[in-house]
N, C-alpha and C. Protein backbone atom coordinates (compact mmCIF):
# COMPACT_ATOMS: atom_id res chain seq x y z
N MET A 1 -244.34 -88.68 -8.97
CA MET A 1 -244.11 -88.71 -10.04
C MET A 1 -242.84 -88.19 -10.84
N ALA A 2 -241.48 -88.69 -10.93
CA ALA A 2 -240.31 -88.09 -11.50
C ALA A 2 -240.08 -88.14 -13.41
N ILE A 3 -239.80 -87.47 -13.61
CA ILE A 3 -239.57 -86.80 -14.99
C ILE A 3 -238.52 -87.68 -14.97
N VAL A 4 -237.60 -87.11 -15.19
CA VAL A 4 -236.09 -88.12 -15.28
C VAL A 4 -235.91 -89.14 -14.12
N THR A 5 -234.53 -89.42 -14.73
CA THR A 5 -233.95 -90.70 -13.80
C THR A 5 -232.17 -90.12 -13.80
N ALA A 6 -231.03 -90.11 -12.41
CA ALA A 6 -230.27 -89.96 -12.24
C ALA A 6 -229.38 -90.82 -13.75
N ASP A 7 -230.48 -92.28 -13.96
CA ASP A 7 -229.82 -92.82 -15.71
C ASP A 7 -230.31 -92.69 -16.74
N ASP A 8 -231.35 -91.95 -16.43
CA ASP A 8 -231.66 -91.14 -17.43
C ASP A 8 -230.74 -89.77 -18.44
N LEU A 9 -230.14 -89.47 -17.18
CA LEU A 9 -229.08 -88.45 -17.92
C LEU A 9 -227.71 -88.50 -17.76
N ARG A 10 -227.17 -89.95 -17.58
CA ARG A 10 -226.33 -89.92 -17.85
C ARG A 10 -226.32 -91.13 -19.27
N LYS A 11 -227.37 -91.41 -19.61
CA LYS A 11 -227.56 -92.18 -21.15
C LYS A 11 -227.89 -90.92 -22.24
N ARG A 12 -227.79 -89.63 -21.55
CA ARG A 12 -228.25 -88.39 -22.92
C ARG A 12 -226.96 -88.14 -22.88
N PHE A 13 -226.49 -88.47 -21.38
CA PHE A 13 -224.97 -87.48 -21.64
C PHE A 13 -223.98 -87.33 -21.02
N GLY A 14 -224.02 -88.95 -21.08
CA GLY A 14 -222.13 -89.56 -21.45
C GLY A 14 -222.02 -89.30 -19.71
N PRO A 15 -220.77 -89.56 -18.81
CA PRO A 15 -219.95 -89.04 -18.33
C PRO A 15 -219.86 -87.70 -17.77
N GLU A 16 -220.02 -86.55 -18.29
CA GLU A 16 -220.50 -85.28 -17.93
C GLU A 16 -221.10 -85.97 -17.45
N ILE A 17 -222.49 -86.22 -16.81
CA ILE A 17 -223.09 -85.58 -15.85
C ILE A 17 -222.55 -86.34 -14.80
N ASP A 18 -220.98 -87.23 -14.41
CA ASP A 18 -221.00 -87.95 -12.98
C ASP A 18 -220.34 -86.61 -12.96
N ARG A 19 -219.78 -86.52 -13.83
CA ARG A 19 -217.88 -84.59 -13.72
C ARG A 19 -218.66 -84.32 -13.34
N LEU A 20 -219.50 -84.01 -13.80
CA LEU A 20 -220.17 -82.38 -13.19
C LEU A 20 -220.42 -82.42 -11.59
N ALA A 21 -220.68 -83.79 -11.80
CA ALA A 21 -221.90 -84.24 -9.53
C ALA A 21 -220.40 -84.09 -9.10
N ASP A 22 -219.41 -84.02 -9.76
CA ASP A 22 -218.14 -84.09 -8.62
C ASP A 22 -218.12 -83.29 -8.23
N ARG A 23 -217.81 -82.71 -6.44
CA ARG A 23 -217.55 -81.11 -6.88
C ARG A 23 -216.82 -81.32 -6.09
N ASN A 24 -216.13 -82.61 -4.93
CA ASN A 24 -215.22 -82.74 -4.23
C ASN A 24 -213.97 -83.14 -4.61
N GLY A 25 -213.80 -83.36 -5.65
CA GLY A 25 -212.22 -83.94 -6.99
C GLY A 25 -212.15 -84.98 -6.23
N ASP A 26 -213.13 -86.24 -6.49
CA ASP A 26 -212.29 -87.62 -6.06
C ASP A 26 -212.96 -88.56 -6.95
N VAL A 27 -213.10 -87.82 -7.78
CA VAL A 27 -213.39 -88.23 -9.67
C VAL A 27 -214.81 -89.18 -9.26
N SER A 28 -215.66 -89.56 -8.64
CA SER A 28 -216.80 -89.68 -8.52
C SER A 28 -217.85 -89.02 -7.75
N ALA A 29 -219.31 -88.96 -8.89
CA ALA A 29 -220.55 -88.21 -8.33
C ALA A 29 -220.62 -88.16 -6.06
N ASP A 30 -220.45 -87.01 -6.85
CA ASP A 30 -221.12 -86.74 -4.48
C ASP A 30 -222.58 -87.22 -4.65
N ALA A 31 -222.77 -87.57 -2.97
CA ALA A 31 -223.72 -88.13 -3.13
C ALA A 31 -224.92 -87.21 -3.31
N GLY A 32 -225.83 -87.23 -3.57
CA GLY A 32 -227.61 -86.11 -3.73
C GLY A 32 -227.54 -85.14 -4.83
N VAL A 33 -226.51 -84.50 -5.79
CA VAL A 33 -226.28 -83.75 -6.35
C VAL A 33 -226.95 -83.84 -7.89
N ILE A 34 -226.55 -85.13 -7.95
CA ILE A 34 -227.77 -85.56 -9.62
C ILE A 34 -228.86 -85.34 -9.69
N ASP A 35 -229.29 -85.48 -7.76
CA ASP A 35 -231.17 -85.87 -7.87
C ASP A 35 -231.32 -84.92 -7.49
N ALA A 36 -230.59 -83.71 -6.79
CA ALA A 36 -230.97 -82.52 -6.80
C ALA A 36 -231.47 -81.33 -7.22
N ALA A 37 -230.34 -82.43 -8.52
CA ALA A 37 -230.29 -80.65 -9.49
C ALA A 37 -231.72 -81.01 -10.56
N ILE A 38 -232.01 -82.42 -10.27
CA ILE A 38 -232.93 -82.56 -11.16
C ILE A 38 -234.88 -82.59 -10.18
N ALA A 39 -234.55 -82.91 -9.52
CA ALA A 39 -235.45 -82.48 -8.62
C ALA A 39 -235.07 -80.46 -8.60
N ASP A 40 -234.41 -80.02 -8.70
CA ASP A 40 -234.29 -78.14 -9.42
C ASP A 40 -235.54 -78.13 -10.70
N ALA A 41 -235.58 -79.46 -11.53
CA ALA A 41 -235.40 -79.16 -13.55
C ALA A 41 -236.70 -79.03 -13.06
N GLU A 42 -237.12 -79.91 -13.09
CA GLU A 42 -238.85 -80.83 -12.56
C GLU A 42 -239.09 -79.77 -12.36
N ALA A 43 -238.84 -79.23 -10.86
CA ALA A 43 -239.88 -77.79 -10.21
C ALA A 43 -240.28 -77.21 -11.34
N GLU A 44 -238.32 -75.91 -11.53
CA GLU A 44 -238.96 -74.96 -12.81
C GLU A 44 -239.56 -75.28 -14.15
N VAL A 45 -239.60 -77.23 -14.05
CA VAL A 45 -240.09 -76.64 -15.63
C VAL A 45 -242.15 -77.47 -15.64
N THR A 46 -242.04 -78.12 -14.39
CA THR A 46 -243.51 -77.99 -14.38
C THR A 46 -243.96 -77.08 -13.31
N ALA A 47 -243.29 -75.82 -13.08
CA ALA A 47 -243.71 -74.50 -12.87
C ALA A 47 -244.15 -73.75 -13.88
N MET A 48 -242.66 -74.61 -15.66
CA MET A 48 -243.60 -73.36 -16.85
C MET A 48 -244.24 -73.48 -17.19
N ILE A 49 -244.72 -74.58 -17.13
CA ILE A 49 -245.98 -75.31 -18.05
C ILE A 49 -247.44 -75.42 -17.70
N GLY A 50 -247.37 -74.46 -15.63
CA GLY A 50 -247.83 -75.29 -15.17
C GLY A 50 -249.67 -74.60 -15.34
N PRO A 51 -249.41 -73.62 -15.66
CA PRO A 51 -250.67 -72.82 -16.80
C PRO A 51 -251.19 -73.49 -18.15
N ALA A 52 -250.53 -73.90 -18.72
CA ALA A 52 -251.74 -75.12 -19.49
C ALA A 52 -251.54 -76.38 -19.28
N ILE A 53 -252.03 -77.19 -18.29
CA ILE A 53 -252.20 -78.08 -18.03
C ILE A 53 -252.93 -78.31 -16.91
N SER A 54 -254.21 -79.13 -17.44
CA SER A 54 -255.35 -78.81 -16.09
C SER A 54 -255.63 -80.84 -15.61
N GLY A 55 -255.00 -81.03 -14.93
CA GLY A 55 -254.92 -82.58 -14.04
C GLY A 55 -253.42 -82.43 -14.16
N VAL A 56 -253.24 -84.14 -13.92
CA VAL A 56 -251.41 -84.20 -14.04
C VAL A 56 -250.78 -85.04 -14.29
N LEU A 57 -249.25 -84.75 -15.19
CA LEU A 57 -248.65 -85.62 -16.36
C LEU A 57 -249.28 -86.84 -15.92
N PRO A 58 -248.60 -87.61 -17.15
CA PRO A 58 -248.78 -89.12 -16.84
C PRO A 58 -248.25 -89.99 -16.47
N ASP A 59 -247.45 -90.33 -15.64
CA ASP A 59 -246.62 -91.23 -16.02
C ASP A 59 -246.10 -92.78 -16.47
N PRO A 60 -245.23 -92.39 -17.34
CA PRO A 60 -244.58 -92.08 -18.62
C PRO A 60 -244.55 -90.85 -18.79
N ALA A 61 -244.23 -89.77 -17.89
CA ALA A 61 -243.60 -88.20 -18.87
C ALA A 61 -244.04 -87.96 -20.20
N PRO A 62 -243.61 -87.20 -21.22
CA PRO A 62 -244.14 -87.68 -22.68
C PRO A 62 -242.24 -87.02 -22.95
N ASP A 63 -241.71 -88.33 -24.37
CA ASP A 63 -240.77 -88.08 -24.30
C ASP A 63 -240.15 -86.26 -24.18
N VAL A 64 -240.58 -85.17 -24.38
CA VAL A 64 -240.04 -84.50 -25.42
C VAL A 64 -240.40 -83.48 -23.57
N LEU A 65 -241.16 -83.90 -22.46
CA LEU A 65 -240.87 -83.50 -21.43
C LEU A 65 -239.84 -83.82 -20.59
N LYS A 66 -238.94 -85.57 -21.01
CA LYS A 66 -238.22 -85.51 -20.42
C LYS A 66 -236.52 -85.36 -21.04
N GLN A 67 -236.91 -84.67 -21.96
CA GLN A 67 -235.65 -83.97 -22.56
C GLN A 67 -236.01 -82.80 -22.77
N LEU A 68 -236.54 -81.87 -22.37
CA LEU A 68 -236.81 -80.43 -21.84
C LEU A 68 -235.95 -80.78 -20.45
N THR A 69 -235.78 -81.76 -19.00
CA THR A 69 -235.98 -81.95 -18.18
C THR A 69 -234.23 -81.85 -18.06
N ALA A 70 -234.32 -83.30 -19.00
CA ALA A 70 -232.97 -83.08 -18.96
C ALA A 70 -231.71 -82.40 -18.82
N VAL A 71 -231.79 -81.46 -20.41
CA VAL A 71 -231.87 -80.37 -20.14
C VAL A 71 -231.11 -78.79 -18.87
N VAL A 72 -232.08 -79.20 -18.42
CA VAL A 72 -232.35 -77.72 -17.63
C VAL A 72 -231.49 -78.90 -15.93
N ALA A 73 -231.47 -79.78 -16.00
CA ALA A 73 -230.77 -80.81 -14.92
C ALA A 73 -229.24 -80.82 -15.29
N ARG A 74 -228.92 -80.34 -16.50
CA ARG A 74 -227.80 -80.64 -17.18
C ARG A 74 -227.52 -78.89 -16.84
N TYR A 75 -228.21 -78.76 -16.85
CA TYR A 75 -227.36 -76.96 -16.77
C TYR A 75 -228.00 -76.36 -15.44
N ASN A 76 -228.01 -77.00 -14.81
CA ASN A 76 -228.33 -77.49 -13.32
C ASN A 76 -226.82 -78.20 -12.79
N LEU A 77 -226.35 -79.00 -13.28
CA LEU A 77 -225.31 -79.32 -12.60
C LEU A 77 -224.22 -78.60 -13.21
N CYS A 78 -223.98 -77.53 -13.73
CA CYS A 78 -223.05 -77.12 -14.07
C CYS A 78 -223.21 -75.91 -13.21
N ARG A 79 -223.82 -75.99 -12.02
CA ARG A 79 -223.80 -74.36 -10.69
C ARG A 79 -224.03 -73.42 -11.02
N ARG A 80 -224.41 -73.66 -13.24
CA ARG A 80 -225.61 -71.48 -13.22
C ARG A 80 -224.03 -72.12 -13.56
N ASP A 81 -223.22 -71.56 -13.76
CA ASP A 81 -221.66 -70.18 -13.70
C ASP A 81 -220.76 -70.61 -15.33
N VAL A 82 -221.78 -71.59 -16.30
CA VAL A 82 -221.35 -71.29 -17.85
C VAL A 82 -221.26 -70.41 -18.29
N GLU A 83 -220.25 -69.66 -19.61
CA GLU A 83 -220.55 -68.57 -20.15
C GLU A 83 -222.09 -68.57 -21.12
N PRO A 84 -222.46 -67.52 -21.43
CA PRO A 84 -222.66 -67.27 -22.51
C PRO A 84 -223.50 -67.91 -24.25
N ASP A 85 -222.42 -68.85 -24.09
CA ASP A 85 -221.68 -69.31 -25.68
C ASP A 85 -220.98 -71.11 -24.72
N HIS A 86 -220.99 -71.58 -24.05
CA HIS A 86 -221.31 -72.79 -23.19
C HIS A 86 -222.78 -74.40 -24.34
N PRO A 87 -222.04 -74.92 -25.02
CA PRO A 87 -223.63 -76.04 -24.81
C PRO A 87 -224.18 -76.17 -24.50
N ALA A 88 -223.96 -76.23 -23.14
CA ALA A 88 -225.49 -76.31 -21.70
C ALA A 88 -226.15 -75.35 -21.68
N TYR A 89 -225.99 -73.80 -21.53
CA TYR A 89 -226.75 -72.94 -21.72
C TYR A 89 -227.27 -72.18 -22.41
N VAL A 90 -226.44 -72.63 -24.05
CA VAL A 90 -226.64 -72.96 -25.43
C VAL A 90 -228.95 -73.75 -25.14
N ALA A 91 -228.64 -74.67 -24.81
CA ALA A 91 -229.31 -75.76 -24.82
C ALA A 91 -230.71 -75.77 -23.19
N TYR A 92 -229.86 -74.50 -22.80
CA TYR A 92 -230.65 -74.30 -21.20
C TYR A 92 -231.85 -73.57 -22.68
N LYS A 93 -231.36 -72.46 -22.57
CA LYS A 93 -232.14 -71.54 -23.53
C LYS A 93 -233.33 -71.99 -24.55
N ASP A 94 -232.71 -72.72 -25.44
CA ASP A 94 -233.49 -73.48 -26.10
C ASP A 94 -234.60 -73.97 -25.68
N ALA A 95 -234.05 -75.17 -24.16
CA ALA A 95 -235.45 -75.56 -23.36
C ALA A 95 -236.28 -74.92 -23.18
N LEU A 96 -236.07 -73.31 -22.17
CA LEU A 96 -236.87 -72.73 -21.41
C LEU A 96 -237.73 -71.54 -22.37
N ARG A 97 -237.54 -71.74 -24.23
CA ARG A 97 -238.66 -71.09 -25.08
C ARG A 97 -239.33 -72.56 -24.90
N GLN A 98 -238.89 -73.67 -25.85
CA GLN A 98 -240.05 -74.67 -26.20
C GLN A 98 -240.45 -74.75 -24.47
N LEU A 99 -240.44 -74.37 -23.11
CA LEU A 99 -241.12 -74.72 -22.46
C LEU A 99 -242.22 -73.00 -22.58
N GLU A 100 -242.15 -72.72 -22.50
CA GLU A 100 -242.56 -71.86 -22.45
C GLU A 100 -243.30 -71.11 -24.41
N GLY A 101 -243.59 -71.99 -24.28
CA GLY A 101 -244.38 -72.51 -26.07
C GLY A 101 -246.03 -73.81 -25.54
N ILE A 102 -244.78 -74.23 -25.04
CA ILE A 102 -245.84 -75.25 -24.38
C ILE A 102 -246.69 -74.04 -23.68
N ALA A 103 -246.30 -73.58 -22.55
CA ALA A 103 -247.20 -73.28 -21.48
C ALA A 103 -248.32 -71.86 -22.39
N GLN A 104 -247.89 -71.78 -23.76
CA GLN A 104 -248.43 -70.75 -24.29
C GLN A 104 -250.06 -71.45 -25.15
N GLY A 105 -249.02 -72.57 -25.40
CA GLY A 105 -250.03 -73.57 -26.42
C GLY A 105 -249.64 -73.27 -27.95
N ARG A 106 -248.26 -72.86 -28.29
CA ARG A 106 -247.15 -72.17 -29.31
C ARG A 106 -246.70 -73.64 -29.68
N ILE A 107 -246.29 -74.89 -28.68
CA ILE A 107 -246.16 -76.06 -29.54
C ILE A 107 -247.02 -77.15 -28.17
N GLU A 108 -247.63 -77.79 -28.84
CA GLU A 108 -248.38 -79.31 -27.78
C GLU A 108 -247.27 -80.58 -27.38
N LEU A 109 -248.21 -80.48 -26.22
CA LEU A 109 -247.01 -81.80 -24.94
C LEU A 109 -248.21 -82.11 -25.87
N PRO A 110 -247.40 -83.76 -26.62
CA PRO A 110 -248.54 -84.92 -25.85
C PRO A 110 -248.30 -85.05 -24.98
N LEU A 111 -249.39 -85.63 -24.16
CA LEU A 111 -250.14 -86.48 -23.00
C LEU A 111 -250.36 -87.34 -22.64
N ASN A 112 -250.67 -87.62 -23.46
CA ASN A 112 -251.06 -89.40 -23.66
C ASN A 112 -251.21 -90.07 -25.15
N ASP A 113 -250.14 -91.18 -24.54
CA ASP A 113 -249.68 -92.62 -25.56
C ASP A 113 -251.09 -92.64 -26.81
N GLY A 114 -252.18 -92.67 -25.22
CA GLY A 114 -251.95 -94.25 -25.76
C GLY A 114 -252.94 -95.49 -24.95
N THR A 115 -251.66 -95.92 -24.62
CA THR A 115 -251.42 -97.07 -24.45
C THR A 115 -252.40 -96.90 -22.76
N ASN A 116 -252.59 -96.46 -23.04
CA ASN A 116 -252.84 -96.28 -21.26
C ASN A 116 -254.51 -95.53 -20.90
N ALA A 117 -254.59 -95.58 -21.68
CA ALA A 117 -256.13 -93.88 -21.78
C ALA A 117 -257.20 -93.77 -21.16
N ALA A 118 -257.17 -95.56 -21.35
CA ALA A 118 -258.37 -96.18 -20.31
C ALA A 118 -258.06 -96.05 -19.30
N ASP A 119 -257.05 -96.07 -18.10
CA ASP A 119 -256.89 -96.03 -17.15
C ASP A 119 -256.52 -94.72 -15.81
N THR A 120 -256.30 -94.01 -17.61
CA THR A 120 -255.90 -92.32 -16.41
C THR A 120 -257.01 -91.31 -17.39
N PRO A 121 -257.63 -90.80 -16.08
CA PRO A 121 -258.82 -89.40 -17.08
C PRO A 121 -257.47 -88.35 -18.18
N PRO A 122 -258.70 -88.13 -19.27
CA PRO A 122 -257.27 -87.21 -20.61
C PRO A 122 -256.59 -86.42 -19.55
N VAL A 123 -256.02 -85.86 -20.00
CA VAL A 123 -254.48 -84.64 -19.32
C VAL A 123 -255.44 -83.39 -20.56
N VAL A 124 -255.81 -82.08 -20.20
CA VAL A 124 -255.04 -81.96 -21.45
C VAL A 124 -254.48 -80.76 -21.25
N ALA A 125 -253.69 -79.82 -22.59
CA ALA A 125 -253.20 -79.04 -22.78
C ALA A 125 -253.99 -76.93 -23.21
N LYS A 126 -254.06 -76.18 -22.56
CA LYS A 126 -254.42 -75.38 -22.22
C LYS A 126 -253.73 -73.57 -22.66
N ALA A 127 -253.42 -73.45 -23.14
CA ALA A 127 -253.52 -71.62 -22.98
C ALA A 127 -254.19 -70.90 -22.11
N PRO A 128 -253.26 -69.27 -21.85
CA PRO A 128 -254.18 -68.70 -22.05
C PRO A 128 -254.05 -67.24 -22.76
N LYS A 129 -256.04 -66.53 -22.35
CA LYS A 129 -255.84 -66.47 -24.00
C LYS A 129 -255.56 -65.47 -23.93
N TRP A 130 -254.75 -64.81 -25.80
CA TRP A 130 -254.24 -63.42 -25.01
C TRP A 130 -254.75 -61.85 -24.95
N TRP A 131 -254.27 -61.72 -24.66
CA TRP A 131 -254.73 -60.31 -24.72
C TRP A 131 -254.39 -59.55 -24.90
N ILE A 132 -252.97 -58.89 -25.93
CA ILE A 132 -252.34 -58.03 -26.44
C ILE A 132 -252.60 -58.59 -27.53
N THR A 133 -252.82 -58.41 -27.64
CA THR A 133 -253.17 -58.27 -30.09
C THR A 133 -253.36 -57.10 -30.20
N ASP A 134 -253.09 -57.32 -31.78
CA ASP A 134 -253.23 -55.48 -32.67
C ASP A 134 -254.39 -54.85 -32.28
N GLU A 135 -255.32 -55.56 -32.24
CA GLU A 135 -256.90 -55.33 -31.86
C GLU A 135 -256.60 -53.96 -30.35
N ALA A 136 -256.96 -54.53 -30.07
CA ALA A 136 -256.20 -54.25 -28.27
C ALA A 136 -256.04 -53.43 -28.41
N LEU A 137 -254.63 -53.14 -29.28
CA LEU A 137 -253.46 -52.33 -28.37
C LEU A 137 -253.61 -51.25 -29.80
N ALA A 138 -254.30 -51.63 -31.07
CA ALA A 138 -255.27 -50.22 -31.54
C ALA A 138 -254.73 -48.88 -31.38
N PRO A 139 -256.02 -48.71 -29.63
CA PRO A 139 -255.55 -47.52 -29.47
C PRO A 139 -254.54 -46.37 -28.82
N MET A 140 -253.22 -47.41 -28.37
CA MET A 140 -252.75 -47.05 -27.81
C MET A 140 -251.79 -46.33 -28.92
N MET A 141 -251.57 -46.60 -30.61
CA MET A 141 -251.34 -46.01 -31.80
C MET A 141 -251.32 -44.70 -31.44
N PRO A 142 -249.85 -43.82 -32.42
CA PRO A 142 -249.32 -42.47 -32.08
C PRO A 142 -251.18 -42.05 -32.65
N GLY A 143 -251.36 -40.24 -32.47
CA GLY A 143 -252.57 -40.56 -33.53
C GLY A 143 -254.28 -40.33 -33.10
N ARG A 144 -254.16 -41.73 -31.91
CA ARG A 144 -255.25 -42.00 -31.77
C ARG A 144 -255.89 -41.58 -30.68
N VAL A 145 -256.74 -40.80 -30.67
CA VAL A 145 -257.39 -39.73 -29.24
C VAL A 145 -258.61 -41.23 -28.56
N PRO A 146 -257.85 -41.62 -27.17
CA PRO A 146 -259.00 -42.49 -26.90
C PRO A 146 -260.45 -41.55 -26.14
């Protein structure tokens, strides 16, 4: 299942996508560049949220996941050589924070929209239990004897 397509990127970011995918300077997107950026983005996104997902993602993917994957793919097209204040880099870092929030259960990923819930088994998002808590760290505070 593809989370986003090249057309999705073009709709979201406009002609910038083809410009970024023009590696040889002939004013057109080079073959396979956009698809490779999308594949890398999807791998990164699914790896980040993998610990929070039990089951497979529904098809189509939730809109928030499409948006985050598109942002990561755009950053991949920039060849990861942009300055820290570049809009693509800022958006990428924001997307990573959101994906981290999904993986940790702080941000809910809507996995089923109800339209095909009867046809597919429910997918559940979960987060690992937090082991670093104030209570767990208390014995390590200064002045405490183990």
